[in-house]
Amino acid sequence: MNKIIPVLIAVVFAASACANKAQTGAGTGALAGATLGALTFGNKVEGAAIGAGVGLLLGYIIGNEMDKYDRQQVSRTLETTPSGQTTNWRNPDTGNYYQATPQPAYAQNDRTYRDVVLETTTAEGKKEKVYAKAYRNPDGTWQLVQ
C-alpha cells in the first residue's frame, strides 16, 4: 500500500491538468479518502474502497460547486450586461479571475443566443481566451453550448 500512494498522487495530478474542477475534486477526494480509509480500517482494502467512494462523492460535489459559481456569473452577465461591455469577477474558491464580454443577442431555431468572449486568468497567472455561444432557457438562465 505504501508504494501505491505516490503513484496514485502522481496520477491524480497528471489527470487534473486535463480535467474540470468537478473531475479534479473527485479524483483528489477519492485519493484522500482511500488513503484515510486504508489507514483507519482494520481491513485495509475494504477501508480504502469505502474511503475512496466517500472521497470521490465529496470531492465531486465541492468541485462542481466551484464550477457552478462561475456558470452563474456568466449567466448573470449574459442576462444583464449590454453588448460589448465587459463584466469581471474573481472566483473566491479558486482565486481565478474572469472577464466576460457578451455580443448582441440573436434568434435561431426558436431560441435566443448570445456569443460571449470569456477570458480566464488562473491564480498561477495562466491566461486563456474562449469564444463561446450560449442560449437563454425559459427560466432566464443561460446555457453555454460551445
C-alpha atoms as a PDB file:
ATOM      1  CA  MET A   1       0.000   0.000   0.000  1.00  0.00           C
ATOM      2  CA  ASN A   2       2.817   2.429   0.840  1.00  0.00           C
ATOM      3  CA  LYS A   3       4.289   2.009  -2.660  1.00  0.00           C
ATOM      4  CA  ILE A   4       0.944   2.673  -4.351  1.00  0.00           C
ATOM      5  CA  ILE A   5       0.253   6.042  -2.700  1.00  0.00           C
ATOM      6  CA  PRO A   6       2.980   8.032  -4.552  1.00  0.00           C
ATOM      7  CA  VAL A   7       1.840   6.515  -7.843  1.00  0.00           C
ATOM      8  CA  LEU A   8      -1.794   7.469  -7.126  1.00  0.00           C
ATOM      9  CA  ILE A   9      -0.768  11.007  -6.223  1.00  0.00           C
ATOM     10  CA  ALA A  10       1.150  11.347  -9.499  1.00  0.00           C
ATOM     11  CA  VAL A  11      -1.829  10.016 -11.489  1.00  0.00           C
ATOM     12  CA  VAL A  12      -4.254  12.444  -9.822  1.00  0.00           C
ATOM     13  CA  PHE A  13      -2.016  15.446 -10.503  1.00  0.00           C
ATOM     14  CA  ALA A  14      -1.412  14.404 -14.111  1.00  0.00           C
ATOM     15  CA  ALA A  15      -5.126  13.857 -14.716  1.00  0.00           C
ATOM     16  CA  SER A  16      -6.077  17.149 -13.081  1.00  0.00           C
ATOM     17  CA  ALA A  17      -4.225  19.035 -15.798  1.00  0.00           C
ATOM     18  CA  CYS A  18      -6.863  17.993 -18.350  1.00  0.00           C
ATOM     19  CA  ALA A  19      -9.947  17.787 -16.120  1.00  0.00           C
ATOM     20  CA  ASN A  20     -12.577  20.244 -14.992  1.00  0.00           C
ATOM     21  CA  LYS A  21     -12.944  21.288 -11.360  1.00  0.00           C
ATOM     22  CA  ALA A  22     -15.540  18.647 -10.537  1.00  0.00           C
ATOM     23  CA  GLN A  23     -13.385  15.872 -12.006  1.00  0.00           C
ATOM     24  CA  THR A  24     -10.278  17.159 -10.245  1.00  0.00           C
ATOM     25  CA  GLY A  25     -12.181  17.368  -6.967  1.00  0.00           C
ATOM     26  CA  ALA A  26     -13.488  13.841  -7.404  1.00  0.00           C
ATOM     27  CA  GLY A  27     -10.017  12.434  -8.115  1.00  0.00           C
ATOM     28  CA  THR A  28      -8.401  14.259  -5.222  1.00  0.00           C
ATOM     29  CA  GLY A  29     -11.257  13.293  -2.874  1.00  0.00           C
ATOM     30  CA  ALA A  30     -11.019   9.639  -3.903  1.00  0.00           C
ATOM     31  CA  LEU A  31      -7.266   9.592  -3.303  1.00  0.00           C
ATOM     32  CA  ALA A  32      -7.563  11.256   0.097  1.00  0.00           C
ATOM     33  CA  GLY A  33     -10.490   9.046   1.086  1.00  0.00           C
ATOM     34  CA  ALA A  34      -8.703   5.847   0.030  1.00  0.00           C
ATOM     35  CA  THR A  35      -5.613   6.822   1.979  1.00  0.00           C
ATOM     36  CA  LEU A  36      -7.556   7.685   5.134  1.00  0.00           C
ATOM     37  CA  GLY A  37      -9.724   4.585   4.803  1.00  0.00           C
ATOM     38  CA  ALA A  38      -6.734   2.285   4.422  1.00  0.00           C
ATOM     39  CA  LEU A  39      -5.029   3.821   7.427  1.00  0.00           C
ATOM     40  CA  THR A  40      -8.149   3.797   9.618  1.00  0.00           C
ATOM     41  CA  PHE A  41      -9.887   0.463   8.976  1.00  0.00           C
ATOM     42  CA  GLY A  42      -8.531  -2.920  10.100  1.00  0.00           C
ATOM     43  CA  ASN A  43      -9.166  -4.363   6.633  1.00  0.00           C
ATOM     44  CA  LYS A  44      -7.026  -2.023   4.536  1.00  0.00           C
ATOM     45  CA  VAL A  45      -8.508  -2.973   1.148  1.00  0.00           C
ATOM     46  CA  GLU A  46     -12.093  -2.593   2.328  1.00  0.00           C
ATOM     47  CA  GLY A  47     -11.235   0.657   4.144  1.00  0.00           C
ATOM     48  CA  ALA A  48      -9.551   2.050   1.053  1.00  0.00           C
ATOM     49  CA  ALA A  49     -12.562   1.184  -1.117  1.00  0.00           C
ATOM     50  CA  ILE A  50     -15.045   2.791   1.280  1.00  0.00           C
ATOM     51  CA  GLY A  51     -12.830   5.843   1.754  1.00  0.00           C
ATOM     52  CA  ALA A  52     -12.352   6.249  -1.994  1.00  0.00           C
ATOM     53  CA  GLY A  53     -16.102   6.134  -2.600  1.00  0.00           C
ATOM     54  CA  VAL A  54     -16.894   8.721   0.063  1.00  0.00           C
ATOM     55  CA  GLY A  55     -13.982  10.935  -1.003  1.00  0.00           C
ATOM     56  CA  LEU A  56     -14.976  10.701  -4.659  1.00  0.00           C
ATOM     57  CA  LEU A  57     -18.507  11.879  -3.920  1.00  0.00           C
ATOM     58  CA  LEU A  58     -17.486  14.722  -1.604  1.00  0.00           C
ATOM     59  CA  GLY A  59     -14.709  15.885  -3.922  1.00  0.00           C
ATOM     60  CA  TYR A  60     -17.058  15.938  -6.911  1.00  0.00           C
ATOM     61  CA  ILE A  61     -19.669  17.949  -5.012  1.00  0.00           C
ATOM     62  CA  ILE A  62     -17.122  20.530  -3.863  1.00  0.00           C
ATOM     63  CA  GLY A  63     -15.501  20.805  -7.304  1.00  0.00           C
ATOM     64  CA  ASN A  64     -18.860  21.112  -9.037  1.00  0.00           C
ATOM     65  CA  GLU A  65     -19.917  23.938  -6.735  1.00  0.00           C
ATOM     66  CA  MET A  66     -16.883  25.933  -7.834  1.00  0.00           C
ATOM     67  CA  ASP A  67     -17.877  25.437 -11.467  1.00  0.00           C
ATOM     68  CA  LYS A  68     -21.463  26.385 -10.622  1.00  0.00           C
ATOM     69  CA  TYR A  69     -20.346  29.767  -9.241  1.00  0.00           C
ATOM     70  CA  ASP A  70     -18.606  30.662 -12.496  1.00  0.00           C
ATOM     71  CA  ARG A  71     -21.568  29.453 -14.589  1.00  0.00           C
ATOM     72  CA  GLN A  72     -23.879  31.661 -12.512  1.00  0.00           C
ATOM     73  CA  GLN A  73     -21.633  34.661 -13.143  1.00  0.00           C
ATOM     74  CA  VAL A  74     -21.624  34.002 -16.899  1.00  0.00           C
ATOM     75  CA  SER A  75     -25.422  33.599 -16.885  1.00  0.00           C
ATOM     76  CA  ARG A  76     -25.854  36.867 -14.987  1.00  0.00           C
ATOM     77  CA  THR A  77     -23.504  38.630 -17.409  1.00  0.00           C
ATOM     78  CA  LEU A  78     -25.403  37.351 -20.441  1.00  0.00           C
ATOM     79  CA  GLU A  79     -28.726  38.371 -18.904  1.00  0.00           C
ATOM     80  CA  THR A  80     -27.827  41.863 -17.657  1.00  0.00           C
ATOM     81  CA  THR A  81     -24.690  43.183 -19.401  1.00  0.00           C
ATOM     82  CA  PRO A  82     -25.064  45.285 -22.574  1.00  0.00           C
ATOM     83  CA  SER A  83     -23.347  44.008 -25.705  1.00  0.00           C
ATOM     84  CA  GLY A  84     -19.667  44.874 -25.932  1.00  0.00           C
ATOM     85  CA  GLN A  85     -19.306  45.694 -22.223  1.00  0.00           C
ATOM     86  CA  THR A  86     -17.133  43.514 -20.014  1.00  0.00           C
ATOM     87  CA  THR A  87     -18.017  42.045 -16.632  1.00  0.00           C
ATOM     88  CA  ASN A  88     -15.232  40.959 -14.273  1.00  0.00           C
ATOM     89  CA  TRP A  89     -15.273  38.627 -11.287  1.00  0.00           C
ATOM     90  CA  ARG A  90     -12.964  36.566  -9.133  1.00  0.00           C
ATOM     91  CA  ASN A  91     -13.891  33.071  -8.009  1.00  0.00           C
ATOM     92  CA  PRO A  92     -13.422  33.155  -4.222  1.00  0.00           C
ATOM     93  CA  ASP A  93     -12.679  29.423  -4.062  1.00  0.00           C
ATOM     94  CA  THR A  94     -10.084  29.151  -6.824  1.00  0.00           C
ATOM     95  CA  GLY A  95      -8.666  32.682  -6.975  1.00  0.00           C
ATOM     96  CA  ASN A  96      -9.179  32.684 -10.754  1.00  0.00           C
ATOM     97  CA  TYR A  97     -10.163  35.949 -12.447  1.00  0.00           C
ATOM     98  CA  TYR A  98     -12.724  36.068 -15.257  1.00  0.00           C
ATOM     99  CA  GLN A  99     -13.850  38.562 -17.860  1.00  0.00           C
ATOM    100  CA  ALA A 100     -16.952  38.033 -19.966  1.00  0.00           C
ATOM    101  CA  THR A 101     -17.876  40.257 -22.906  1.00  0.00           C
ATOM    102  CA  PRO A 102     -21.278  39.388 -24.424  1.00  0.00           C
ATOM    103  CA  GLN A 103     -22.237  40.174 -28.001  1.00  0.00           C
ATOM    104  CA  PRO A 104     -25.702  41.150 -29.313  1.00  0.00           C
ATOM    105  CA  ALA A 105     -28.496  38.607 -28.919  1.00  0.00           C
ATOM    106  CA  TYR A 106     -29.923  36.845 -31.979  1.00  0.00           C
ATOM    107  CA  ALA A 107     -32.685  34.325 -32.633  1.00  0.00           C
ATOM    108  CA  GLN A 108     -32.006  30.892 -34.088  1.00  0.00           C
ATOM    109  CA  ASN A 109     -34.197  27.757 -34.043  1.00  0.00           C
ATOM    110  CA  ASP A 110     -36.742  29.376 -31.673  1.00  0.00           C
ATOM    111  CA  ARG A 111     -34.046  30.238 -29.110  1.00  0.00           C
ATOM    112  CA  THR A 112     -32.275  33.431 -28.135  1.00  0.00           C
ATOM    113  CA  TYR A 113     -28.493  33.170 -28.403  1.00  0.00           C
ATOM    114  CA  ARG A 114     -25.583  35.383 -27.449  1.00  0.00           C
ATOM    115  CA  ASP A 115     -21.946  34.908 -28.280  1.00  0.00           C
ATOM    116  CA  VAL A 116     -19.546  35.721 -25.454  1.00  0.00           C
ATOM    117  CA  VAL A 117     -15.786  36.113 -25.119  1.00  0.00           C
ATOM    118  CA  LEU A 118     -14.575  34.542 -21.865  1.00  0.00           C
ATOM    119  CA  GLU A 119     -11.108  35.327 -20.577  1.00  0.00           C
ATOM    120  CA  THR A 120      -9.646  33.481 -17.596  1.00  0.00           C
ATOM    121  CA  THR A 121      -6.536  34.214 -15.590  1.00  0.00           C
ATOM    122  CA  THR A 122      -5.701  31.463 -13.119  1.00  0.00           C
ATOM    123  CA  ALA A 123      -4.274  32.146  -9.689  1.00  0.00           C
ATOM    124  CA  GLU A 124      -0.921  30.978 -11.136  1.00  0.00           C
ATOM    125  CA  GLY A 125      -1.114  33.586 -13.939  1.00  0.00           C
ATOM    126  CA  LYS A 126      -2.046  31.297 -16.860  1.00  0.00           C
ATOM    127  CA  LYS A 127      -4.363  33.078 -19.321  1.00  0.00           C
ATOM    128  CA  GLU A 128      -6.956  31.603 -21.634  1.00  0.00           C
ATOM    129  CA  LYS A 129      -9.458  33.168 -24.032  1.00  0.00           C
ATOM    130  CA  VAL A 130     -12.532  31.270 -25.239  1.00  0.00           C
ATOM    131  CA  TYR A 131     -15.167  32.302 -27.783  1.00  0.00           C
ATOM    132  CA  ALA A 132     -18.418  30.695 -26.688  1.00  0.00           C
ATOM    133  CA  LYS A 133     -22.091  30.610 -27.584  1.00  0.00           C
ATOM    134  CA  ALA A 134     -24.986  30.393 -25.150  1.00  0.00           C
ATOM    135  CA  TYR A 135     -28.756  30.154 -25.397  1.00  0.00           C
ATOM    136  CA  ARG A 136     -31.344  31.514 -22.981  1.00  0.00           C
ATOM    137  CA  ASN A 137     -33.514  28.993 -21.117  1.00  0.00           C
ATOM    138  CA  PRO A 138     -37.183  29.798 -20.406  1.00  0.00           C
ATOM    139  CA  ASP A 139     -36.275  30.388 -16.723  1.00  0.00           C
ATOM    140  CA  GLY A 140     -33.852  33.197 -17.694  1.00  0.00           C
ATOM    141  CA  THR A 141     -30.632  31.258 -17.164  1.00  0.00           C
ATOM    142  CA  TRP A 142     -28.120  30.873 -19.950  1.00  0.00           C
ATOM    143  CA  GLN A 143     -26.660  27.565 -21.121  1.00  0.00           C
ATOM    144  CA  LEU A 144     -23.196  27.569 -22.682  1.00  0.00           C
ATOM    145  CA  VAL A 145     -23.175  25.281 -25.706  1.00  0.00           C
ATOM    146  CA  GLN A 146     -19.711  25.872 -27.085  1.00  0.00           C
END
